[in-house]
């Protein structure tokens, strides 16, 4: 489905190429031969997402890490609800809270 969208929408193709090239340069993503089958290799489905604000459009790539192969169940991890509840309580007990997104570099494509 992504390949079809990339063929139809030029700006999406440009943004996707730019972001994926950046991931490859940082060695976070590798290009593999589609015919090469390796047992210890995992693929993350992804798609480009845009946010429009004040005449600007910002793009980013979102990865679907919770995806699984059809017919295969999702792997279940430990229950983190208690830790989540404790974290939320900490925000209530200590009024100033700082949140942010941390990355090595930020390469947003801006288009008007």
PDB file of N, CA and C in Angstrom:
ATOM      1  N   UNK A   1       0.821  -1.190   0.000  1.00  0.00           N
ATOM      2  CA  UNK A   1       0.000   0.000   0.000  1.00  0.00           C
ATOM      3  C   UNK A   1       0.875   1.268   0.000  1.00  0.00           C
ATOM      4  N   UNK A   2       1.964   1.229   0.765  1.00  0.00           N
ATOM      5  CA  UNK A   2       2.867   2.378   0.804  1.00  0.00           C
ATOM      6  C   UNK A   2       3.479   2.622  -0.575  1.00  0.00           C
ATOM      7  N   UNK A   3       3.884   1.558  -1.245  1.00  0.00           N
ATOM      8  CA  UNK A   3       4.482   1.709  -2.568  1.00  0.00           C
ATOM      9  C   UNK A   3       3.517   2.385  -3.539  1.00  0.00           C
ATOM     10  N   UNK A   4       2.248   2.047  -3.474  1.00  0.00           N
ATOM     11  CA  UNK A   4       1.236   2.662  -4.334  1.00  0.00           C
ATOM     12  C   UNK A   4       1.123   4.149  -4.034  1.00  0.00           C
ATOM     13  N   UNK A   5       1.078   4.511  -2.742  1.00  0.00           N
ATOM     14  CA  UNK A   5       0.990   5.927  -2.358  1.00  0.00           C
ATOM     15  C   UNK A   5       2.231   6.688  -2.805  1.00  0.00           C
ATOM     16  N   UNK A   6       3.425   6.073  -2.676  1.00  0.00           N
ATOM     17  CA  UNK A   6       4.657   6.745  -3.083  1.00  0.00           C
ATOM     18  C   UNK A   6       4.687   7.001  -4.585  1.00  0.00           C
ATOM     19  N   UNK A   7       4.126   6.096  -5.368  1.00  0.00           N
ATOM     20  CA  UNK A   7       4.076   6.288  -6.811  1.00  0.00           C
ATOM     21  C   UNK A   7       3.137   7.416  -7.202  1.00  0.00           C
ATOM     22  N   UNK A   8       2.064   7.590  -6.454  1.00  0.00           N
ATOM     23  CA  UNK A   8       1.040   8.588  -6.794  1.00  0.00           C
ATOM     24  C   UNK A   8       1.379   9.995  -6.300  1.00  0.00           C
ATOM     25  N   UNK A   9       2.003  10.119  -5.140  1.00  0.00           N
ATOM     26  CA  UNK A   9       2.194  11.422  -4.496  1.00  0.00           C
ATOM     27  C   UNK A   9       3.678  11.771  -4.465  1.00  0.00           C
ATOM     28  N   UNK A  10       4.088  12.734  -5.282  1.00  0.00           N
ATOM     29  CA  UNK A  10       5.500  13.095  -5.435  1.00  0.00           C
ATOM     30  C   UNK A  10       6.097  13.636  -4.137  1.00  0.00           C
ATOM     31  N   UNK A  11       5.382  14.489  -3.424  1.00  0.00           N
ATOM     32  CA  UNK A  11       5.922  15.074  -2.193  1.00  0.00           C
ATOM     33  C   UNK A  11       6.138  13.993  -1.136  1.00  0.00           C
ATOM     34  N   UNK A  12       5.230  13.044  -1.085  1.00  0.00           N
ATOM     35  CA  UNK A  12       5.360  11.928  -0.146  1.00  0.00           C
ATOM     36  C   UNK A  12       6.577  11.080  -0.503  1.00  0.00           C
ATOM     37  N   UNK A  13       6.802  10.848  -1.793  1.00  0.00           N
ATOM     38  CA  UNK A  13       7.956  10.083  -2.254  1.00  0.00           C
ATOM     39  C   UNK A  13       9.252  10.789  -1.850  1.00  0.00           C
ATOM     40  N   UNK A  14       9.295  12.111  -2.006  1.00  0.00           N
ATOM     41  CA  UNK A  14      10.480  12.898  -1.636  1.00  0.00           C
ATOM     42  C   UNK A  14      10.746  12.820  -0.133  1.00  0.00           C
ATOM     43  N   UNK A  15       9.715  13.034   0.661  1.00  0.00           N
ATOM     44  CA  UNK A  15       9.858  13.018   2.126  1.00  0.00           C
ATOM     45  C   UNK A  15      10.297  11.631   2.595  1.00  0.00           C
ATOM     46  N   UNK A  16       9.672  10.604   2.050  1.00  0.00           N
ATOM     47  CA  UNK A  16      10.008   9.235   2.445  1.00  0.00           C
ATOM     48  C   UNK A  16      11.470   8.932   2.111  1.00  0.00           C
ATOM     49  N   UNK A  17      11.886   9.295   0.910  1.00  0.00           N
ATOM     50  CA  UNK A  17      13.277   9.069   0.487  1.00  0.00           C
ATOM     51  C   UNK A  17      14.244   9.796   1.415  1.00  0.00           C
ATOM     52  N   UNK A  18      13.962  11.055   1.723  1.00  0.00           N
ATOM     53  CA  UNK A  18      14.840  11.871   2.559  1.00  0.00           C
ATOM     54  C   UNK A  18      14.975  11.274   3.957  1.00  0.00           C
ATOM     55  N   UNK A  19      13.865  10.896   4.554  1.00  0.00           N
ATOM     56  CA  UNK A  19      13.904  10.335   5.905  1.00  0.00           C
ATOM     57  C   UNK A  19      14.591   8.971   5.927  1.00  0.00           C
ATOM     58  N   UNK A  20      14.289   8.118   4.967  1.00  0.00           N
ATOM     59  CA  UNK A  20      14.899   6.790   4.953  1.00  0.00           C
ATOM     60  C   UNK A  20      16.405   6.886   4.675  1.00  0.00           C
ATOM     61  N   UNK A  21      16.821   7.813   3.821  1.00  0.00           N
ATOM     62  CA  UNK A  21      18.243   8.027   3.572  1.00  0.00           C
ATOM     63  C   UNK A  21      18.945   8.461   4.858  1.00  0.00           C
ATOM     64  N   UNK A  22      18.303   9.320   5.615  1.00  0.00           N
ATOM     65  CA  UNK A  22      18.850   9.763   6.894  1.00  0.00           C
ATOM     66  C   UNK A  22      19.010   8.580   7.852  1.00  0.00           C
ATOM     67  N   UNK A  23      18.008   7.711   7.920  1.00  0.00           N
ATOM     68  CA  UNK A  23      18.101   6.520   8.772  1.00  0.00           C
ATOM     69  C   UNK A  23      19.249   5.615   8.321  1.00  0.00           C
ATOM     70  N   UNK A  24      19.442   5.473   7.016  1.00  0.00           N
ATOM     71  CA  UNK A  24      20.518   4.633   6.495  1.00  0.00           C
ATOM     72  C   UNK A  24      21.886   5.236   6.814  1.00  0.00           C
ATOM     73  N   UNK A  25      22.015   6.560   6.691  1.00  0.00           N
ATOM     74  CA  UNK A  25      23.284   7.225   6.994  1.00  0.00           C
ATOM     75  C   UNK A  25      23.651   7.076   8.465  1.00  0.00           C
ATOM     76  N   UNK A  26      22.655   7.044   9.335  1.00  0.00           N
ATOM     77  CA  UNK A  26      22.894   6.860  10.779  1.00  0.00           C
ATOM     78  C   UNK A  26      22.967   5.381  11.157  1.00  0.00           C
ATOM     79  N   UNK A  27      22.880   4.503  10.156  1.00  0.00           N
ATOM     80  CA  UNK A  27      22.951   3.046  10.341  1.00  0.00           C
ATOM     81  C   UNK A  27      21.864   2.517  11.261  1.00  0.00           C
ATOM     82  N   UNK A  28      20.692   3.117  11.170  1.00  0.00           N
ATOM     83  CA  UNK A  28      19.533   2.653  11.927  1.00  0.00           C
ATOM     84  C   UNK A  28      18.638   1.775  11.065  1.00  0.00           C
ATOM     85  N   UNK A  29      18.807   1.877   9.746  1.00  0.00           N
ATOM     86  CA  UNK A  29      18.024   1.103   8.781  1.00  0.00           C
ATOM     87  C   UNK A  29      18.993   0.553   7.743  1.00  0.00           C
ATOM     88  N   UNK A  30      18.768  -0.675   7.335  1.00  0.00           N
ATOM     89  CA  UNK A  30      19.603  -1.307   6.320  1.00  0.00           C
ATOM     90  C   UNK A  30      18.750  -1.776   5.159  1.00  0.00           C
ATOM     91  N   UNK A  31      19.290  -1.679   3.963  1.00  0.00           N
ATOM     92  CA  UNK A  31      18.614  -2.175   2.774  1.00  0.00           C
ATOM     93  C   UNK A  31      18.996  -3.646   2.629  1.00  0.00           C
ATOM     94  N   UNK A  32      17.992  -4.483   2.467  1.00  0.00           N
ATOM     95  CA  UNK A  32      18.250  -5.923   2.304  1.00  0.00           C
ATOM     96  C   UNK A  32      17.687  -6.389   0.971  1.00  0.00           C
ATOM     97  N   UNK A  33      18.274  -7.450   0.458  1.00  0.00           N
ATOM     98  CA  UNK A  33      17.797  -8.072  -0.771  1.00  0.00           C
ATOM     99  C   UNK A  33      16.485  -8.789  -0.450  1.00  0.00           C
ATOM    100  N   UNK A  34      15.397  -8.492  -1.170  1.00  0.00           N
ATOM    101  CA  UNK A  34      14.106  -9.116  -0.866  1.00  0.00           C
ATOM    102  C   UNK A  34      14.125 -10.636  -0.993  1.00  0.00           C
ATOM    103  N   UNK A  35      15.045 -11.180  -1.801  1.00  0.00           N
ATOM    104  CA  UNK A  35      15.130 -12.627  -1.978  1.00  0.00           C
ATOM    105  C   UNK A  35      15.943 -13.299  -0.869  1.00  0.00           C
ATOM    106  N   UNK A  36      16.697 -12.484  -0.130  1.00  0.00           N
ATOM    107  CA  UNK A  36      17.551 -13.022   0.929  1.00  0.00           C
ATOM    108  C   UNK A  36      16.724 -13.232   2.193  1.00  0.00           C
ATOM    109  N   UNK A  37      16.641 -14.452   2.647  1.00  0.00           N
ATOM    110  CA  UNK A  37      15.843 -14.782   3.832  1.00  0.00           C
ATOM    111  C   UNK A  37      16.796 -15.086   4.979  1.00  0.00           C
ATOM    112  N   UNK A  38      16.696 -14.318   6.049  1.00  0.00           N
ATOM    113  CA  UNK A  38      17.517 -14.557   7.226  1.00  0.00           C
ATOM    114  C   UNK A  38      16.602 -14.796   8.412  1.00  0.00           C
ATOM    115  N   UNK A  39      17.011 -15.713   9.271  1.00  0.00           N
ATOM    116  CA  UNK A  39      16.159 -16.067  10.408  1.00  0.00           C
ATOM    117  C   UNK A  39      16.096 -14.966  11.462  1.00  0.00           C
ATOM    118  N   UNK A  40      17.179 -14.272  11.691  1.00  0.00           N
ATOM    119  CA  UNK A  40      17.229 -13.268  12.750  1.00  0.00           C
ATOM    120  C   UNK A  40      16.983 -11.856  12.230  1.00  0.00           C
ATOM    121  N   UNK A  41      16.083 -11.692  11.295  1.00  0.00           N
ATOM    122  CA  UNK A  41      15.799 -10.390  10.731  1.00  0.00           C
ATOM    123  C   UNK A  41      14.329 -10.052  10.961  1.00  0.00           C
ATOM    124  N   UNK A  42      14.073  -8.833  11.383  1.00  0.00           N
ATOM    125  CA  UNK A  42      12.719  -8.393  11.643  1.00  0.00           C
ATOM    126  C   UNK A  42      12.454  -7.139  10.819  1.00  0.00           C
ATOM    127  N   UNK A  43      11.239  -7.007  10.332  1.00  0.00           N
ATOM    128  CA  UNK A  43      10.858  -5.868   9.510  1.00  0.00           C
ATOM    129  C   UNK A  43       9.794  -5.063  10.245  1.00  0.00           C
ATOM    130  N   UNK A  44       9.946  -3.761  10.218  1.00  0.00           N
ATOM    131  CA  UNK A  44       8.953  -2.875  10.824  1.00  0.00           C
ATOM    132  C   UNK A  44       8.169  -2.171   9.716  1.00  0.00           C
ATOM    133  N   UNK A  45       6.857  -2.371   9.661  1.00  0.00           N
ATOM    134  CA  UNK A  45       6.076  -1.595   8.697  1.00  0.00           C
ATOM    135  C   UNK A  45       6.128  -0.114   9.085  1.00  0.00           C
ATOM    136  N   UNK A  46       6.054   0.752   8.099  1.00  0.00           N
ATOM    137  CA  UNK A  46       6.135   2.185   8.380  1.00  0.00           C
ATOM    138  C   UNK A  46       5.316   2.960   7.355  1.00  0.00           C
ATOM    139  N   UNK A  47       5.047   4.211   7.697  1.00  0.00           N
ATOM    140  CA  UNK A  47       4.358   5.106   6.774  1.00  0.00           C
ATOM    141  C   UNK A  47       4.695   6.544   7.154  1.00  0.00           C
ATOM    142  N   UNK A  48       4.527   7.450   6.207  1.00  0.00           N
ATOM    143  CA  UNK A  48       4.794   8.870   6.449  1.00  0.00           C
ATOM    144  C   UNK A  48       3.539   9.536   6.992  1.00  0.00           C
ATOM    145  N   UNK A  49       3.742  10.426   7.949  1.00  0.00           N
ATOM    146  CA  UNK A  49       2.638  11.140   8.575  1.00  0.00           C
ATOM    147  C   UNK A  49       2.919  12.632   8.480  1.00  0.00           C
ATOM    148  N   UNK A  50       1.901  13.402   8.135  1.00  0.00           N
ATOM    149  CA  UNK A  50       2.075  14.854   8.040  1.00  0.00           C
ATOM    150  C   UNK A  50       1.227  15.554   9.085  1.00  0.00           C
ATOM    151  N   UNK A  51       1.756  16.679   9.555  1.00  0.00           N
ATOM    152  CA  UNK A  51       1.014  17.543  10.476  1.00  0.00           C
ATOM    153  C   UNK A  51       1.058  18.948   9.899  1.00  0.00           C
ATOM    154  N   UNK A  52      -0.095  19.541   9.722  1.00  0.00           N
ATOM    155  CA  UNK A  52      -0.152  20.904   9.212  1.00  0.00           C
ATOM    156  C   UNK A  52      -0.421  21.882  10.341  1.00  0.00           C
ATOM    157  N   UNK A  53       0.385  22.934  10.403  1.00  0.00           N
ATOM    158  CA  UNK A  53       0.204  23.939  11.443  1.00  0.00           C
ATOM    159  C   UNK A  53       0.650  25.289  10.892  1.00  0.00           C
ATOM    160  N   UNK A  54      -0.199  26.258  10.932  1.00  0.00           N
ATOM    161  CA  UNK A  54       0.087  27.633  10.523  1.00  0.00           C
ATOM    162  C   UNK A  54       0.713  27.692   9.130  1.00  0.00           C
ATOM    163  N   UNK A  55       0.129  26.981   8.174  1.00  0.00           N
ATOM    164  CA  UNK A  55       0.599  27.032   6.799  1.00  0.00           C
ATOM    165  C   UNK A  55       1.818  26.181   6.513  1.00  0.00           C
ATOM    166  N   UNK A  56       2.358  25.501   7.539  1.00  0.00           N
ATOM    167  CA  UNK A  56       3.517  24.631   7.363  1.00  0.00           C
ATOM    168  C   UNK A  56       3.079  23.182   7.486  1.00  0.00           C
ATOM    169  N   UNK A  57       3.723  22.315   6.735  1.00  0.00           N
ATOM    170  CA  UNK A  57       3.467  20.889   6.857  1.00  0.00           C
ATOM    171  C   UNK A  57       4.755  20.207   7.287  1.00  0.00           C
ATOM    172  N   UNK A  58       4.702  19.502   8.406  1.00  0.00           N
ATOM    173  CA  UNK A  58       5.852  18.744   8.895  1.00  0.00           C
ATOM    174  C   UNK A  58       5.579  17.271   8.666  1.00  0.00           C
ATOM    175  N   UNK A  59       6.601  16.563   8.233  1.00  0.00           N
ATOM    176  CA  UNK A  59       6.492  15.137   7.938  1.00  0.00           C
ATOM    177  C   UNK A  59       7.402  14.350   8.856  1.00  0.00           C
ATOM    178  N   UNK A  60       6.980  13.149   9.180  1.00  0.00           N
ATOM    179  CA  UNK A  60       7.835  12.220   9.902  1.00  0.00           C
ATOM    180  C   UNK A  60       7.436  10.800   9.524  1.00  0.00           C
ATOM    181  N   UNK A  61       8.332   9.862   9.746  1.00  0.00           N
ATOM    182  CA  UNK A  61       8.062   8.462   9.485  1.00  0.00           C
ATOM    183  C   UNK A  61       7.662   7.804  10.798  1.00  0.00           C
ATOM    184  N   UNK A  62       6.546   7.092  10.781  1.00  0.00           N
ATOM    185  CA  UNK A  62       6.105   6.357  11.966  1.00  0.00           C
ATOM    186  C   UNK A  62       6.240   4.868  11.685  1.00  0.00           C
ATOM    187  N   UNK A  63       6.815   4.166  12.646  1.00  0.00           N
ATOM    188  CA  UNK A  63       7.010   2.730  12.526  1.00  0.00           C
ATOM    189  C   UNK A  63       5.966   2.009  13.370  1.00  0.00           C
ATOM    190  N   UNK A  64       5.416   0.917  12.839  1.00  0.00           N
ATOM    191  CA  UNK A  64       4.402   0.130  13.535  1.00  0.00           C
ATOM    192  C   UNK A  64       5.036  -1.054  14.239  1.00  0.00           C
ATOM    193  N   UNK A  65       5.680  -0.819  15.382  1.00  0.00           N
ATOM    194  CA  UNK A  65       6.409  -1.877  16.081  1.00  0.00           C
ATOM    195  C   UNK A  65       5.493  -2.918  16.701  1.00  0.00           C
ATOM    196  N   UNK A  66       4.214  -2.633  16.824  1.00  0.00           N
ATOM    197  CA  UNK A  66       3.303  -3.615  17.422  1.00  0.00           C
ATOM    198  C   UNK A  66       2.723  -4.556  16.371  1.00  0.00           C
ATOM    199  N   UNK A  67       3.133  -4.402  15.126  1.00  0.00           N
ATOM    200  CA  UNK A  67       2.634  -5.268  14.067  1.00  0.00           C
ATOM    201  C   UNK A  67       3.167  -6.681  14.240  1.00  0.00           C
ATOM    202  N   UNK A  68       2.459  -7.618  13.667  1.00  0.00           N
ATOM    203  CA  UNK A  68       2.870  -9.013  13.724  1.00  0.00           C
ATOM    204  C   UNK A  68       2.436  -9.717  12.438  1.00  0.00           C
ATOM    205  N   UNK A  69       3.019 -10.859  12.191  1.00  0.00           N
ATOM    206  CA  UNK A  69       2.663 -11.605  10.986  1.00  0.00           C
ATOM    207  C   UNK A  69       1.246 -12.131  11.123  1.00  0.00           C
ATOM    208  N   UNK A  70       0.535 -12.203  10.005  1.00  0.00           N
ATOM    209  CA  UNK A  70      -0.827 -12.719  10.066  1.00  0.00           C
ATOM    210  C   UNK A  70      -0.805 -14.168  10.541  1.00  0.00           C
ATOM    211  N   UNK A  71      -1.701 -14.494  11.432  1.00  0.00           N
ATOM    212  CA  UNK A  71      -1.767 -15.835  11.987  1.00  0.00           C
ATOM    213  C   UNK A  71      -0.889 -16.028  13.209  1.00  0.00           C
ATOM    214  N   UNK A  72       0.006 -15.076  13.463  1.00  0.00           N
ATOM    215  CA  UNK A  72       0.889 -15.152  14.632  1.00  0.00           C
ATOM    216  C   UNK A  72       0.368 -14.209  15.712  1.00  0.00           C
ATOM    217  N   UNK A  73       0.321 -14.649  16.966  1.00  0.00           N
ATOM    218  CA  UNK A  73      -0.156 -13.764  18.036  1.00  0.00           C
ATOM    219  C   UNK A  73       0.887 -12.697  18.381  1.00  0.00           C
ATOM    220  N   UNK A  74       0.428 -11.590  18.925  1.00  0.00           N
ATOM    221  CA  UNK A  74       1.344 -10.570  19.432  1.00  0.00           C
ATOM    222  C   UNK A  74       2.044 -11.109  20.659  1.00  0.00           C
ATOM    223  N   UNK A  75       3.305 -10.746  20.828  1.00  0.00           N
ATOM    224  CA  UNK A  75       4.013 -11.150  22.034  1.00  0.00           C
ATOM    225  C   UNK A  75       3.561 -10.261  23.178  1.00  0.00           C
ATOM    226  N   UNK A  76       3.303 -10.875  24.308  1.00  0.00           N
ATOM    227  CA  UNK A  76       2.814 -10.139  25.463  1.00  0.00           C
ATOM    228  C   UNK A  76       3.965  -9.900  26.420  1.00  0.00           C
ATOM    229  N   UNK A  77       4.131  -8.666  26.839  1.00  0.00           N
ATOM    230  CA  UNK A  77       5.178  -8.315  27.799  1.00  0.00           C
ATOM    231  C   UNK A  77       4.603  -8.170  29.187  1.00  0.00           C
ATOM    232  N   UNK A  78       5.389  -7.623  30.074  1.00  0.00           N
ATOM    233  CA  UNK A  78       4.935  -7.446  31.448  1.00  0.00           C
ATOM    234  C   UNK A  78       3.919  -6.316  31.531  1.00  0.00           C
ATOM    235  N   UNK A  79       3.077  -6.371  32.539  1.00  0.00           N
ATOM    236  CA  UNK A  79       2.047  -5.372  32.760  1.00  0.00           C
ATOM    237  C   UNK A  79       2.688  -4.139  33.387  1.00  0.00           C
ATOM    238  N   UNK A  80       2.630  -3.009  32.695  1.00  0.00           N
ATOM    239  CA  UNK A  80       3.266  -1.788  33.169  1.00  0.00           C
ATOM    240  C   UNK A  80       2.267  -0.776  33.724  1.00  0.00           C
ATOM    241  N   UNK A  81       1.033  -1.216  33.993  1.00  0.00           N
ATOM    242  CA  UNK A  81       0.021  -0.276  34.463  1.00  0.00           C
ATOM    243  C   UNK A  81       0.382   0.350  35.800  1.00  0.00           C
ATOM    244  N   UNK A  82       0.951  -0.425  36.723  1.00  0.00           N
ATOM    245  CA  UNK A  82       1.325   0.144  38.025  1.00  0.00           C
ATOM    246  C   UNK A  82       2.416   1.196  37.871  1.00  0.00           C
ATOM    247  N   UNK A  83       3.405   0.932  37.021  1.00  0.00           N
ATOM    248  CA  UNK A  83       4.465   1.914  36.790  1.00  0.00           C
ATOM    249  C   UNK A  83       3.905   3.173  36.125  1.00  0.00           C
ATOM    250  N   UNK A  84       2.969   2.997  35.214  1.00  0.00           N
ATOM    251  CA  UNK A  84       2.337   4.128  34.549  1.00  0.00           C
ATOM    252  C   UNK A  84       1.551   4.969  35.549  1.00  0.00           C
ATOM    253  N   UNK A  85       0.808   4.310  36.415  1.00  0.00           N
ATOM    254  CA  UNK A  85       0.031   5.008  37.449  1.00  0.00           C
ATOM    255  C   UNK A  85       0.964   5.782  38.374  1.00  0.00           C
ATOM    256  N   UNK A  86       2.072   5.157  38.791  1.00  0.00           N
ATOM    257  CA  UNK A  86       3.039   5.822  39.676  1.00  0.00           C
ATOM    258  C   UNK A  86       3.658   7.039  38.991  1.00  0.00           C
ATOM    259  N   UNK A  87       3.945   6.913  37.704  1.00  0.00           N
ATOM    260  CA  UNK A  87       4.518   8.038  36.955  1.00  0.00           C
ATOM    261  C   UNK A  87       3.535   9.192  36.878  1.00  0.00           C
ATOM    262  N   UNK A  88       2.262   8.884  36.619  1.00  0.00           N
ATOM    263  CA  UNK A  88       1.247   9.938  36.560  1.00  0.00           C
ATOM    264  C   UNK A  88       1.080  10.621  37.911  1.00  0.00           C
ATOM    265  N   UNK A  89       1.169   9.859  38.979  1.00  0.00           N
ATOM    266  CA  UNK A  89       1.082  10.461  40.322  1.00  0.00           C
ATOM    267  C   UNK A  89       2.254  11.405  40.573  1.00  0.00           C
ATOM    268  N   UNK A  90       3.428  11.064  40.090  1.00  0.00           N
ATOM    269  CA  UNK A  90       4.587  11.940  40.254  1.00  0.00           C
ATOM    270  C   UNK A  90       4.347  13.302  39.603  1.00  0.00           C
ATOM    271  N   UNK A  91       3.655  13.307  38.464  1.00  0.00           N
ATOM    272  CA  UNK A  91       3.325  14.576  37.813  1.00  0.00           C
ATOM    273  C   UNK A  91       2.378  15.400  38.679  1.00  0.00           C
ATOM    274  N   UNK A  92       1.494  14.750  39.414  1.00  0.00           N
ATOM    275  CA  UNK A  92       0.556  15.470  40.281  1.00  0.00           C
ATOM    276  C   UNK A  92       1.256  16.010  41.522  1.00  0.00           C
ATOM    277  N   UNK A  93       2.249  15.295  42.041  1.00  0.00           N
ATOM    278  CA  UNK A  93       2.931  15.691  43.271  1.00  0.00           C
ATOM    279  C   UNK A  93       3.962  16.789  43.049  1.00  0.00           C
ATOM    280  N   UNK A  94       4.536  16.840  41.872  1.00  0.00           N
ATOM    281  CA  UNK A  94       5.573  17.828  41.562  1.00  0.00           C
ATOM    282  C   UNK A  94       5.120  18.639  40.356  1.00  0.00           C
ATOM    283  N   UNK A  95       4.569  19.858  40.598  1.00  0.00           N
ATOM    284  CA  UNK A  95       3.932  20.628  39.516  1.00  0.00           C
ATOM    285  C   UNK A  95       4.755  20.860  38.245  1.00  0.00           C
ATOM    286  N   UNK A  96       6.015  21.292  38.308  1.00  0.00           N
ATOM    287  CA  UNK A  96       6.688  21.513  37.024  1.00  0.00           C
ATOM    288  C   UNK A  96       7.107  20.180  36.401  1.00  0.00           C
ATOM    289  N   UNK A  97       6.689  19.984  35.170  1.00  0.00           N
ATOM    290  CA  UNK A  97       7.064  18.780  34.437  1.00  0.00           C
ATOM    291  C   UNK A  97       7.590  19.181  33.069  1.00  0.00           C
ATOM    292  N   UNK A  98       8.646  18.555  32.664  1.00  0.00           N
ATOM    293  CA  UNK A  98       9.243  18.845  31.364  1.00  0.00           C
ATOM    294  C   UNK A  98       9.166  17.580  30.527  1.00  0.00           C
ATOM    295  N   UNK A  99       8.651  17.730  29.319  1.00  0.00           N
ATOM    296  CA  UNK A  99       8.598  16.601  28.397  1.00  0.00           C
ATOM    297  C   UNK A  99       9.254  17.025  27.095  1.00  0.00           C
ATOM    298  N   UNK A 100       9.692  16.080  26.311  1.00  0.00           N
ATOM    299  CA  UNK A 100      10.307  16.429  25.037  1.00  0.00           C
ATOM    300  C   UNK A 100      10.609  15.202  24.219  1.00  0.00           C
ATOM    301  N   UNK A 101      10.947  15.440  22.976  1.00  0.00           N
ATOM    302  CA  UNK A 101      11.339  14.380  22.061  1.00  0.00           C
ATOM    303  C   UNK A 101      12.830  14.502  21.848  1.00  0.00           C
ATOM    304  N   UNK A 102      13.540  13.424  22.075  1.00  0.00           N
ATOM    305  CA  UNK A 102      14.985  13.440  21.968  1.00  0.00           C
ATOM    306  C   UNK A 102      15.398  12.629  20.750  1.00  0.00           C
ATOM    307  N   UNK A 103      16.255  13.210  19.921  1.00  0.00           N
ATOM    308  CA  UNK A 103      16.800  12.484  18.777  1.00  0.00           C
ATOM    309  C   UNK A 103      18.168  13.061  18.460  1.00  0.00           C
ATOM    310  N   UNK A 104      18.940  12.315  17.675  1.00  0.00           N
ATOM    311  CA  UNK A 104      20.268  12.794  17.291  1.00  0.00           C
ATOM    312  C   UNK A 104      20.156  14.051  16.451  1.00  0.00           C
ATOM    313  N   UNK A 105      19.375  13.954  15.416  1.00  0.00           N
ATOM    314  CA  UNK A 105      19.192  15.071  14.503  1.00  0.00           C
ATOM    315  C   UNK A 105      17.735  15.157  14.136  1.00  0.00           C
ATOM    316  N   UNK A 106      17.305  16.319  13.793  1.00  0.00           N
ATOM    317  CA  UNK A 106      15.912  16.512  13.376  1.00  0.00           C
ATOM    318  C   UNK A 106      15.921  16.937  11.918  1.00  0.00           C
ATOM    319  N   UNK A 107      15.330  16.140  11.045  1.00  0.00           N
ATOM    320  CA  UNK A 107      15.288  16.438   9.619  1.00  0.00           C
ATOM    321  C   UNK A 107      13.837  16.496   9.163  1.00  0.00           C
ATOM    322  N   UNK A 108      13.138  17.528   9.547  1.00  0.00           N
ATOM    323  CA  UNK A 108      11.756  17.683   9.107  1.00  0.00           C
ATOM    324  C   UNK A 108      11.753  18.399   7.763  1.00  0.00           C
ATOM    325  N   UNK A 109      10.889  17.941   6.907  1.00  0.00           N
ATOM    326  CA  UNK A 109      10.697  18.618   5.627  1.00  0.00           C
ATOM    327  C   UNK A 109       9.556  19.606   5.805  1.00  0.00           C
ATOM    328  N   UNK A 110       9.785  20.850   5.513  1.00  0.00           N
ATOM    329  CA  UNK A 110       8.756  21.887   5.646  1.00  0.00           C
ATOM    330  C   UNK A 110       8.290  22.308   4.268  1.00  0.00           C
ATOM    331  N   UNK A 111       6.982  22.253   4.070  1.00  0.00           N
ATOM    332  CA  UNK A 111       6.400  22.653   2.802  1.00  0.00           C
ATOM    333  C   UNK A 111       5.188  23.515   3.082  1.00  0.00           C
ATOM    334  N   UNK A 112       5.026  24.553   2.304  1.00  0.00           N
ATOM    335  CA  UNK A 112       3.869  25.420   2.475  1.00  0.00           C
ATOM    336  C   UNK A 112       2.833  25.098   1.422  1.00  0.00           C
TER     337      UNK A 112
END
